[in-house]
Amino acid sequence: LSFFFNAHQNFFEEIAKFRAARRIWAKHLRYRYQARDPKSWRMRFHVQTAGCSLMAQQPENNIVRTAYEALSAVLGGAQSLHTNGYDEPLCLPAKESVQIALRTQQILAHELELTDVVDPLGGSHYVEHLTSEMEREAEHYFKRIKSMGGVLRGIEENFFQREIANASYQFQKEVEEKKRIIVGVNHYTTQEELWKVPIFKIDPRREREQVAKLKRLKKKRSLARVSKALDQLKRKAETQENLMPYLLESVEAYATVGEICASLKEVFGEYREPASTF
């Protein structure tokens, strides 16, 4: 098993978050689930720098934000890393932006030599304190979720959506009241042109090429085989049977993702997230 985390802006808090996650995983696997192989106590995780921390104003500042977020991930023990492009608040990342994001990782790996030591901040009074606090708060959340009947019940009762919405509201309120400084957004602003960054645009020809490719595929495939596979998938979705073999059969018949989803929607419907209330 491996996990996917986000690296946000509070440098030491993010490091503590990753360290706490590794502690929690090791304890739960060893004592709650009685895993005997010590290798299974090791938590593996990928980290992506925070897209929501990137700002459209003074977008070059995002290079710095991403670098420090990536640094917190490495110091926190990440095995895999993704760095965002600085222009992502404005467009899909352009070639130059992608290269800078890649070079950020390479500088961390080769020039700072961060991979030479495991848990380099272990033993720091502040980091250890934050890690323990993060672990306690996470365990508190686990107990709340368990007491309400588990994750599915929490989703049904809008618990997770409400927690996220409340945190987002609080963050935005702090920004607007300037209790939280965002450089170039609510402080140290300039009158420079917002759109000075080259905007990456997808060539419209790519869309036409993809549509033509799909039409060729539909002419070439066996419509009878596609219909049979999708009908079987729909019927099995009405049971408790494992759907993976029937999904694979549909794919092998060259059913499209849209066609497969449409078949499943006829049985399961489509999830609509309830409106969150504060």
C-alpha atoms as a PDB file:
ATOM      1  CA  LEU A   1       0.000   0.000   0.000  1.00  0.00           C
ATOM      2  CA  SER A   2       1.099   3.569  -0.635  1.00  0.00           C
ATOM      3  CA  PHE A   3      -0.456   6.965  -0.015  1.00  0.00           C
ATOM      4  CA  PHE A   4      -0.808  10.331  -1.727  1.00  0.00           C
ATOM      5  CA  PHE A   5      -0.281  13.497   0.312  1.00  0.00           C
ATOM      6  CA  ASN A   6      -0.323  17.218  -0.348  1.00  0.00           C
ATOM      7  CA  ALA A   7       2.461  19.584   0.756  1.00  0.00           C
ATOM      8  CA  HIS A   8       1.086  22.962   1.765  1.00  0.00           C
ATOM      9  CA  GLN A   9       2.643  26.223   2.946  1.00  0.00           C
ATOM     10  CA  ASN A  10       3.298  25.926   6.685  1.00  0.00           C
ATOM     11  CA  PHE A  11       6.804  24.504   6.397  1.00  0.00           C
ATOM     12  CA  PHE A  12       7.336  22.910   9.808  1.00  0.00           C
ATOM     13  CA  GLU A  13       3.714  21.845  10.162  1.00  0.00           C
ATOM     14  CA  GLU A  14       3.906  19.975   6.856  1.00  0.00           C
ATOM     15  CA  ILE A  15       7.069  18.150   7.912  1.00  0.00           C
ATOM     16  CA  ALA A  16       5.368  17.214  11.182  1.00  0.00           C
ATOM     17  CA  LYS A  17       2.320  16.002   9.247  1.00  0.00           C
ATOM     18  CA  PHE A  18       4.378  13.550   7.195  1.00  0.00           C
ATOM     19  CA  ARG A  19       6.319  12.358  10.257  1.00  0.00           C
ATOM     20  CA  ALA A  20       3.094  11.891  12.225  1.00  0.00           C
ATOM     21  CA  ALA A  21       1.563   9.894   9.370  1.00  0.00           C
ATOM     22  CA  ARG A  22       4.538   7.529   9.420  1.00  0.00           C
ATOM     23  CA  ARG A  23       4.260   7.112  13.178  1.00  0.00           C
ATOM     24  CA  ILE A  24       0.511   6.438  13.017  1.00  0.00           C
ATOM     25  CA  TRP A  25       0.918   3.904  10.215  1.00  0.00           C
ATOM     26  CA  ALA A  26       3.669   2.009  12.032  1.00  0.00           C
ATOM     27  CA  LYS A  27       1.728   1.841  15.304  1.00  0.00           C
ATOM     28  CA  HIS A  28      -1.570   0.809  13.748  1.00  0.00           C
ATOM     29  CA  LEU A  29      -0.010  -1.835  11.506  1.00  0.00           C
ATOM     30  CA  ARG A  30       2.076  -3.292  14.314  1.00  0.00           C
ATOM     31  CA  TYR A  31      -0.359  -3.218  17.233  1.00  0.00           C
ATOM     32  CA  ARG A  32      -3.879  -2.943  15.815  1.00  0.00           C
ATOM     33  CA  TYR A  33      -3.499  -5.154  12.742  1.00  0.00           C
ATOM     34  CA  GLN A  34      -0.733  -7.368  14.176  1.00  0.00           C
ATOM     35  CA  ALA A  35       1.474  -7.143  11.077  1.00  0.00           C
ATOM     36  CA  ARG A  36       4.532  -9.300  11.762  1.00  0.00           C
ATOM     37  CA  ASP A  37       6.839  -8.209   8.939  1.00  0.00           C
ATOM     38  CA  PRO A  38       8.641  -4.967   9.958  1.00  0.00           C
ATOM     39  CA  LYS A  39       8.720  -3.936   6.298  1.00  0.00           C
ATOM     40  CA  SER A  40       4.946  -3.533   6.397  1.00  0.00           C
ATOM     41  CA  TRP A  41       5.316  -0.992   9.208  1.00  0.00           C
ATOM     42  CA  ARG A  42       7.054   1.391   6.831  1.00  0.00           C
ATOM     43  CA  MET A  43       4.728   3.934   5.298  1.00  0.00           C
ATOM     44  CA  ARG A  44       5.325   4.747   1.640  1.00  0.00           C
ATOM     45  CA  PHE A  45       3.857   7.927   0.247  1.00  0.00           C
ATOM     46  CA  HIS A  46       3.908  10.272  -2.721  1.00  0.00           C
ATOM     47  CA  VAL A  47       3.635  14.040  -2.245  1.00  0.00           C
ATOM     48  CA  GLN A  48       2.396  16.714  -4.627  1.00  0.00           C
ATOM     49  CA  THR A  49       2.970  20.372  -3.900  1.00  0.00           C
ATOM     50  CA  ALA A  50      -0.204  22.328  -3.163  1.00  0.00           C
ATOM     51  CA  GLY A  51      -2.020  23.583  -6.228  1.00  0.00           C
ATOM     52  CA  CYS A  52      -4.291  25.783  -4.103  1.00  0.00           C
ATOM     53  CA  SER A  53      -1.259  27.630  -2.720  1.00  0.00           C
ATOM     54  CA  LEU A  54      -0.337  28.910  -6.182  1.00  0.00           C
ATOM     55  CA  MET A  55      -1.450  32.451  -7.007  1.00  0.00           C
ATOM     56  CA  ALA A  56      -2.299  34.132 -10.310  1.00  0.00           C
ATOM     57  CA  GLN A  57      -0.819  37.397  -9.046  1.00  0.00           C
ATOM     58  CA  GLN A  58       2.976  37.632  -9.438  1.00  0.00           C
ATOM     59  CA  PRO A  59       3.021  34.004 -10.615  1.00  0.00           C
ATOM     60  CA  GLU A  60       6.828  33.751 -10.572  1.00  0.00           C
ATOM     61  CA  ASN A  61       6.537  33.668  -6.759  1.00  0.00           C
ATOM     62  CA  ASN A  62       4.968  30.225  -7.189  1.00  0.00           C
ATOM     63  CA  ILE A  63       8.410  28.846  -8.078  1.00  0.00           C
ATOM     64  CA  VAL A  64       9.562  29.687  -4.553  1.00  0.00           C
ATOM     65  CA  ARG A  65       6.371  28.366  -2.965  1.00  0.00           C
ATOM     66  CA  THR A  66       6.687  25.071  -4.791  1.00  0.00           C
ATOM     67  CA  ALA A  67      10.362  24.692  -3.899  1.00  0.00           C
ATOM     68  CA  TYR A  68       9.736  25.065  -0.176  1.00  0.00           C
ATOM     69  CA  GLU A  69       6.723  22.785  -0.261  1.00  0.00           C
ATOM     70  CA  ALA A  70       8.826  20.175  -2.045  1.00  0.00           C
ATOM     71  CA  LEU A  71      11.560  20.623   0.549  1.00  0.00           C
ATOM     72  CA  SER A  72       9.090  19.940   3.377  1.00  0.00           C
ATOM     73  CA  ALA A  73       7.998  16.736   1.623  1.00  0.00           C
ATOM     74  CA  VAL A  74      11.559  15.470   1.314  1.00  0.00           C
ATOM     75  CA  LEU A  75      12.454  16.365   4.908  1.00  0.00           C
ATOM     76  CA  GLY A  76       9.247  14.639   6.004  1.00  0.00           C
ATOM     77  CA  GLY A  77      10.237  11.353   4.349  1.00  0.00           C
ATOM     78  CA  ALA A  78       8.445  11.237   0.986  1.00  0.00           C
ATOM     79  CA  GLN A  79       9.423   8.446  -1.410  1.00  0.00           C
ATOM     80  CA  SER A  80       7.992  10.147  -4.497  1.00  0.00           C
ATOM     81  CA  LEU A  81       7.409  13.776  -5.408  1.00  0.00           C
ATOM     82  CA  HIS A  82       5.497  15.936  -7.898  1.00  0.00           C
ATOM     83  CA  THR A  83       6.211  19.662  -8.208  1.00  0.00           C
ATOM     84  CA  ASN A  84       3.596  21.927  -9.763  1.00  0.00           C
ATOM     85  CA  GLY A  85       4.217  24.408 -12.551  1.00  0.00           C
ATOM     86  CA  TYR A  86       4.279  28.060 -11.526  1.00  0.00           C
ATOM     87  CA  ASP A  87       1.734  29.014 -14.212  1.00  0.00           C
ATOM     88  CA  GLU A  88      -0.963  26.514 -13.173  1.00  0.00           C
ATOM     89  CA  PRO A  89      -3.335  29.168 -11.722  1.00  0.00           C
ATOM     90  CA  LEU A  90      -3.548  30.576 -15.262  1.00  0.00           C
ATOM     91  CA  CYS A  91      -3.321  27.582 -17.598  1.00  0.00           C
ATOM     92  CA  LEU A  92      -2.053  24.069 -18.114  1.00  0.00           C
ATOM     93  CA  PRO A  93       1.692  24.165 -17.459  1.00  0.00           C
ATOM     94  CA  ALA A  94       3.796  25.341 -20.401  1.00  0.00           C
ATOM     95  CA  LYS A  95       7.076  23.683 -21.380  1.00  0.00           C
ATOM     96  CA  GLU A  96       9.214  26.242 -19.532  1.00  0.00           C
ATOM     97  CA  SER A  97       7.094  25.886 -16.386  1.00  0.00           C
ATOM     98  CA  VAL A  98       7.329  22.092 -16.460  1.00  0.00           C
ATOM     99  CA  GLN A  99      11.102  22.249 -16.826  1.00  0.00           C
ATOM    100  CA  ILE A 100      11.459  24.617 -13.859  1.00  0.00           C
ATOM    101  CA  ALA A 101       9.309  22.270 -11.750  1.00  0.00           C
ATOM    102  CA  LEU A 102      11.520  19.341 -12.766  1.00  0.00           C
ATOM    103  CA  ARG A 103      14.736  21.268 -12.110  1.00  0.00           C
ATOM    104  CA  THR A 104      13.414  22.126  -8.635  1.00  0.00           C
ATOM    105  CA  GLN A 105      13.302  18.426  -7.799  1.00  0.00           C
ATOM    106  CA  GLN A 106      16.713  17.799  -9.338  1.00  0.00           C
ATOM    107  CA  ILE A 107      18.326  20.618  -7.350  1.00  0.00           C
ATOM    108  CA  LEU A 108      16.844  19.240  -4.134  1.00  0.00           C
ATOM    109  CA  ALA A 109      18.127  15.752  -4.940  1.00  0.00           C
ATOM    110  CA  HIS A 110      21.581  16.502  -6.318  1.00  0.00           C
ATOM    111  CA  GLU A 111      22.728  19.902  -5.081  1.00  0.00           C
ATOM    112  CA  LEU A 112      21.274  19.956  -1.554  1.00  0.00           C
ATOM    113  CA  GLU A 113      22.075  16.242  -1.012  1.00  0.00           C
ATOM    114  CA  LEU A 114      18.897  15.794   1.021  1.00  0.00           C
ATOM    115  CA  THR A 115      18.697  12.082   0.310  1.00  0.00           C
ATOM    116  CA  ASP A 116      21.890  11.372   2.268  1.00  0.00           C
ATOM    117  CA  VAL A 117      20.098  11.218   5.629  1.00  0.00           C
ATOM    118  CA  VAL A 118      16.836   9.795   6.937  1.00  0.00           C
ATOM    119  CA  ASP A 119      14.606  12.041   9.061  1.00  0.00           C
ATOM    120  CA  PRO A 120      17.143  14.901   9.337  1.00  0.00           C
ATOM    121  CA  LEU A 121      14.903  16.980  11.639  1.00  0.00           C
ATOM    122  CA  GLY A 122      14.279  14.138  14.080  1.00  0.00           C
ATOM    123  CA  GLY A 123      15.219  15.276  17.584  1.00  0.00           C
ATOM    124  CA  SER A 124      14.340  18.917  16.984  1.00  0.00           C
ATOM    125  CA  HIS A 125      12.291  20.063  19.987  1.00  0.00           C
ATOM    126  CA  TYR A 126       9.887  22.081  17.842  1.00  0.00           C
ATOM    127  CA  VAL A 127       9.443  19.465  15.114  1.00  0.00           C
ATOM    128  CA  GLU A 128       9.000  16.631  17.611  1.00  0.00           C
ATOM    129  CA  HIS A 129       6.406  18.696  19.502  1.00  0.00           C
ATOM    130  CA  LEU A 130       4.472  19.466  16.308  1.00  0.00           C
ATOM    131  CA  THR A 131       4.676  15.820  15.231  1.00  0.00           C
ATOM    132  CA  SER A 132       3.227  14.580  18.517  1.00  0.00           C
ATOM    133  CA  GLU A 133       0.497  17.233  18.427  1.00  0.00           C
ATOM    134  CA  MET A 134      -0.384  16.283  14.855  1.00  0.00           C
ATOM    135  CA  GLU A 135      -0.518  12.608  15.806  1.00  0.00           C
ATOM    136  CA  ARG A 136      -2.864  13.306  18.750  1.00  0.00           C
ATOM    137  CA  GLU A 137      -5.203  15.427  16.633  1.00  0.00           C
ATOM    138  CA  ALA A 138      -5.285  12.810  13.861  1.00  0.00           C
ATOM    139  CA  GLU A 139      -6.147  10.053  16.350  1.00  0.00           C
ATOM    140  CA  HIS A 140      -8.902  12.319  17.692  1.00  0.00           C
ATOM    141  CA  TYR A 141     -10.352  12.552  14.178  1.00  0.00           C
ATOM    142  CA  PHE A 142     -10.179   8.776  13.778  1.00  0.00           C
ATOM    143  CA  LYS A 143     -12.193   8.362  16.996  1.00  0.00           C
ATOM    144  CA  ARG A 144     -14.804  10.907  15.861  1.00  0.00           C
ATOM    145  CA  ILE A 145     -15.198   9.123  12.527  1.00  0.00           C
ATOM    146  CA  LYS A 146     -15.461   5.736  14.220  1.00  0.00           C
ATOM    147  CA  SER A 147     -18.032   7.020  16.703  1.00  0.00           C
ATOM    148  CA  MET A 148     -20.283   8.292  13.898  1.00  0.00           C
ATOM    149  CA  GLY A 149     -20.236   4.865  12.244  1.00  0.00           C
ATOM    150  CA  GLY A 150     -17.233   5.011   9.925  1.00  0.00           C
ATOM    151  CA  VAL A 151     -16.218   6.779   6.745  1.00  0.00           C
ATOM    152  CA  LEU A 152     -19.309   5.911   4.700  1.00  0.00           C
ATOM    153  CA  ARG A 153     -21.568   7.271   7.402  1.00  0.00           C
ATOM    154  CA  GLY A 154     -19.402  10.373   7.580  1.00  0.00           C
ATOM    155  CA  ILE A 155     -19.826  10.938   3.839  1.00  0.00           C
ATOM    156  CA  GLU A 156     -23.586  10.443   4.106  1.00  0.00           C
ATOM    157  CA  GLU A 157     -23.785  12.938   6.968  1.00  0.00           C
ATOM    158  CA  ASN A 158     -21.665  15.479   5.072  1.00  0.00           C
ATOM    159  CA  PHE A 159     -18.974  15.419   7.778  1.00  0.00           C
ATOM    160  CA  PHE A 160     -15.892  15.504   5.548  1.00  0.00           C
ATOM    161  CA  GLN A 161     -17.308  18.066   3.124  1.00  0.00           C
ATOM    162  CA  ARG A 162     -18.278  20.287   6.064  1.00  0.00           C
ATOM    163  CA  GLU A 163     -14.841  20.057   7.673  1.00  0.00           C
ATOM    164  CA  ILE A 164     -13.146  20.968   4.394  1.00  0.00           C
ATOM    165  CA  ALA A 165     -15.574  23.820   3.754  1.00  0.00           C
ATOM    166  CA  ASN A 166     -15.073  25.220   7.253  1.00  0.00           C
ATOM    167  CA  ALA A 167     -11.286  25.114   6.903  1.00  0.00           C
ATOM    168  CA  SER A 168     -11.472  26.775   3.482  1.00  0.00           C
ATOM    169  CA  TYR A 169     -13.770  29.487   4.801  1.00  0.00           C
ATOM    170  CA  GLN A 170     -11.485  30.184   7.748  1.00  0.00           C
ATOM    171  CA  PHE A 171      -8.420  30.354   5.508  1.00  0.00           C
ATOM    172  CA  GLN A 172     -10.086  32.775   3.080  1.00  0.00           C
ATOM    173  CA  LYS A 173     -11.364  34.927   5.930  1.00  0.00           C
ATOM    174  CA  GLU A 174      -7.833  35.234   7.339  1.00  0.00           C
ATOM    175  CA  VAL A 175      -6.527  36.227   3.916  1.00  0.00           C
ATOM    176  CA  GLU A 176      -9.195  38.882   3.396  1.00  0.00           C
ATOM    177  CA  GLU A 177      -8.652  40.299   6.897  1.00  0.00           C
ATOM    178  CA  LYS A 178      -4.857  40.224   6.296  1.00  0.00           C
ATOM    179  CA  LYS A 179      -4.335  38.010   9.311  1.00  0.00           C
ATOM    180  CA  ARG A 180      -2.648  35.631   6.882  1.00  0.00           C
ATOM    181  CA  ILE A 181      -0.250  37.295   4.441  1.00  0.00           C
ATOM    182  CA  ILE A 182      -0.121  36.013   0.870  1.00  0.00           C
ATOM    183  CA  VAL A 183       2.742  37.763  -0.893  1.00  0.00           C
ATOM    184  CA  GLY A 184       1.611  39.569  -4.024  1.00  0.00           C
ATOM    185  CA  VAL A 185      -2.078  38.988  -3.242  1.00  0.00           C
ATOM    186  CA  ASN A 186      -3.001  40.869  -0.062  1.00  0.00           C
ATOM    187  CA  HIS A 187       0.421  42.366   0.676  1.00  0.00           C
ATOM    188  CA  TYR A 188       3.448  43.503  -1.346  1.00  0.00           C
ATOM    189  CA  THR A 189       1.212  43.929  -4.357  1.00  0.00           C
ATOM    190  CA  THR A 190       2.143  45.618  -7.626  1.00  0.00           C
ATOM    191  CA  GLN A 191       0.258  47.036 -10.595  1.00  0.00           C
ATOM    192  CA  GLU A 192       1.926  44.752 -13.135  1.00  0.00           C
ATOM    193  CA  GLU A 193      -0.009  43.024 -15.883  1.00  0.00           C
ATOM    194  CA  LEU A 194      -1.573  39.789 -14.597  1.00  0.00           C
ATOM    195  CA  TRP A 195      -1.345  38.032 -17.959  1.00  0.00           C
ATOM    196  CA  LYS A 196       2.320  38.675 -18.670  1.00  0.00           C
ATOM    197  CA  VAL A 197       3.022  34.948 -18.281  1.00  0.00           C
ATOM    198  CA  PRO A 198       2.803  33.108 -21.636  1.00  0.00           C
ATOM    199  CA  ILE A 199      -0.460  31.149 -21.613  1.00  0.00           C
ATOM    200  CA  PHE A 200      -0.285  27.575 -22.849  1.00  0.00           C
ATOM    201  CA  LYS A 201      -3.084  26.749 -25.270  1.00  0.00           C
ATOM    202  CA  ILE A 202      -3.894  23.355 -26.732  1.00  0.00           C
ATOM    203  CA  ASP A 203      -3.890  23.273 -30.520  1.00  0.00           C
ATOM    204  CA  PRO A 204      -7.537  22.833 -31.693  1.00  0.00           C
ATOM    205  CA  ARG A 205      -6.248  20.330 -34.259  1.00  0.00           C
ATOM    206  CA  ARG A 206      -5.600  17.880 -31.408  1.00  0.00           C
ATOM    207  CA  GLU A 207      -9.316  17.793 -30.626  1.00  0.00           C
ATOM    208  CA  ARG A 208     -10.229  17.133 -34.261  1.00  0.00           C
ATOM    209  CA  GLU A 209      -7.579  14.401 -34.477  1.00  0.00           C
ATOM    210  CA  GLN A 210      -8.920  12.702 -31.341  1.00  0.00           C
ATOM    211  CA  VAL A 211     -12.518  12.823 -32.590  1.00  0.00           C
ATOM    212  CA  ALA A 212     -11.448  11.321 -35.929  1.00  0.00           C
ATOM    213  CA  LYS A 213      -9.480   8.613 -34.128  1.00  0.00           C
ATOM    214  CA  LEU A 214     -12.522   7.713 -32.021  1.00  0.00           C
ATOM    215  CA  LYS A 215     -14.765   7.520 -35.089  1.00  0.00           C
ATOM    216  CA  ARG A 216     -12.285   5.173 -36.804  1.00  0.00           C
ATOM    217  CA  LEU A 217     -12.215   2.970 -33.707  1.00  0.00           C
ATOM    218  CA  LYS A 218     -16.012   2.730 -33.544  1.00  0.00           C
ATOM    219  CA  LYS A 219     -16.195   1.717 -37.195  1.00  0.00           C
ATOM    220  CA  LYS A 220     -13.509  -0.920 -36.748  1.00  0.00           C
ATOM    221  CA  ARG A 221     -14.717  -2.582 -33.525  1.00  0.00           C
ATOM    222  CA  SER A 222     -17.453  -5.219 -33.252  1.00  0.00           C
ATOM    223  CA  LEU A 223     -20.636  -3.466 -32.176  1.00  0.00           C
ATOM    224  CA  ALA A 224     -22.194  -6.778 -31.147  1.00  0.00           C
ATOM    225  CA  ARG A 225     -19.246  -7.562 -28.860  1.00  0.00           C
ATOM    226  CA  VAL A 226     -19.362  -4.080 -27.307  1.00  0.00           C
ATOM    227  CA  SER A 227     -23.116  -4.316 -26.680  1.00  0.00           C
ATOM    228  CA  LYS A 228     -22.796  -7.751 -25.133  1.00  0.00           C
ATOM    229  CA  ALA A 229     -19.959  -6.678 -22.830  1.00  0.00           C
ATOM    230  CA  LEU A 230     -21.749  -3.522 -21.672  1.00  0.00           C
ATOM    231  CA  ASP A 231     -25.031  -5.369 -21.129  1.00  0.00           C
ATOM    232  CA  GLN A 232     -23.251  -8.002 -19.045  1.00  0.00           C
ATOM    233  CA  LEU A 233     -21.461  -5.282 -17.046  1.00  0.00           C
ATOM    234  CA  LYS A 234     -24.797  -3.617 -16.295  1.00  0.00           C
ATOM    235  CA  ARG A 235     -26.418  -6.885 -15.188  1.00  0.00           C
ATOM    236  CA  LYS A 236     -23.499  -7.781 -12.932  1.00  0.00           C
ATOM    237  CA  ALA A 237     -23.546  -4.293 -11.419  1.00  0.00           C
ATOM    238  CA  GLU A 238     -27.008  -5.123 -10.083  1.00  0.00           C
ATOM    239  CA  THR A 239     -25.466  -7.965  -8.044  1.00  0.00           C
ATOM    240  CA  GLN A 240     -22.697  -8.119  -5.425  1.00  0.00           C
ATOM    241  CA  GLU A 241     -20.281  -9.736  -7.883  1.00  0.00           C
ATOM    242  CA  ASN A 242     -16.778  -8.374  -8.497  1.00  0.00           C
ATOM    243  CA  LEU A 243     -17.068  -6.081 -11.546  1.00  0.00           C
ATOM    244  CA  MET A 244     -13.396  -5.992 -12.498  1.00  0.00           C
ATOM    245  CA  PRO A 245     -13.500  -8.962 -14.932  1.00  0.00           C
ATOM    246  CA  TYR A 246     -16.482  -7.397 -16.719  1.00  0.00           C
ATOM    247  CA  LEU A 247     -14.849  -3.982 -16.838  1.00  0.00           C
ATOM    248  CA  LEU A 248     -11.794  -5.565 -18.430  1.00  0.00           C
ATOM    249  CA  GLU A 249     -13.961  -7.450 -20.891  1.00  0.00           C
ATOM    250  CA  SER A 250     -15.649  -4.182 -21.892  1.00  0.00           C
ATOM    251  CA  VAL A 251     -12.295  -2.489 -22.378  1.00  0.00           C
ATOM    252  CA  GLU A 252     -11.001  -5.405 -24.448  1.00  0.00           C
ATOM    253  CA  ALA A 253     -14.098  -5.056 -26.630  1.00  0.00           C
ATOM    254  CA  TYR A 254     -13.067  -1.395 -27.172  1.00  0.00           C
ATOM    255  CA  ALA A 255     -15.967   0.107 -25.266  1.00  0.00           C
ATOM    256  CA  THR A 256     -15.133   3.716 -24.435  1.00  0.00           C
ATOM    257  CA  VAL A 257     -14.823   5.086 -20.914  1.00  0.00           C
ATOM    258  CA  GLY A 258     -17.978   7.126 -21.508  1.00  0.00           C
ATOM    259  CA  GLU A 259     -19.943   4.055 -22.604  1.00  0.00           C
ATOM    260  CA  ILE A 260     -18.770   2.058 -19.591  1.00  0.00           C
ATOM    261  CA  CYS A 261     -19.674   4.879 -17.198  1.00  0.00           C
ATOM    262  CA  ALA A 262     -23.096   5.268 -18.818  1.00  0.00           C
ATOM    263  CA  SER A 263     -23.833   1.569 -18.217  1.00  0.00           C
ATOM    264  CA  LEU A 264     -22.857   1.821 -14.563  1.00  0.00           C
ATOM    265  CA  LYS A 265     -24.829   5.043 -14.069  1.00  0.00           C
ATOM    266  CA  GLU A 266     -27.996   3.225 -15.117  1.00  0.00           C
ATOM    267  CA  VAL A 267     -27.540   1.018 -12.050  1.00  0.00           C
ATOM    268  CA  PHE A 268     -25.814   3.227  -9.492  1.00  0.00           C
ATOM    269  CA  GLY A 269     -26.916   6.678 -10.568  1.00  0.00           C
ATOM    270  CA  GLU A 270     -24.534   9.607 -10.224  1.00  0.00           C
ATOM    271  CA  TYR A 271     -23.239  10.963  -6.919  1.00  0.00           C
ATOM    272  CA  ARG A 272     -24.232  14.503  -6.067  1.00  0.00           C
ATOM    273  CA  GLU A 273     -22.349  16.063  -3.186  1.00  0.00           C
ATOM    274  CA  PRO A 274     -24.766  17.714  -0.741  1.00  0.00           C
ATOM    275  CA  ALA A 275     -24.335  21.420  -0.087  1.00  0.00           C
ATOM    276  CA  SER A 276     -22.101  22.049   2.911  1.00  0.00           C
ATOM    277  CA  THR A 277     -23.379  24.141   5.777  1.00  0.00           C
ATOM    278  CA  PHE A 278     -21.133  25.931   8.234  1.00  0.00           C
END
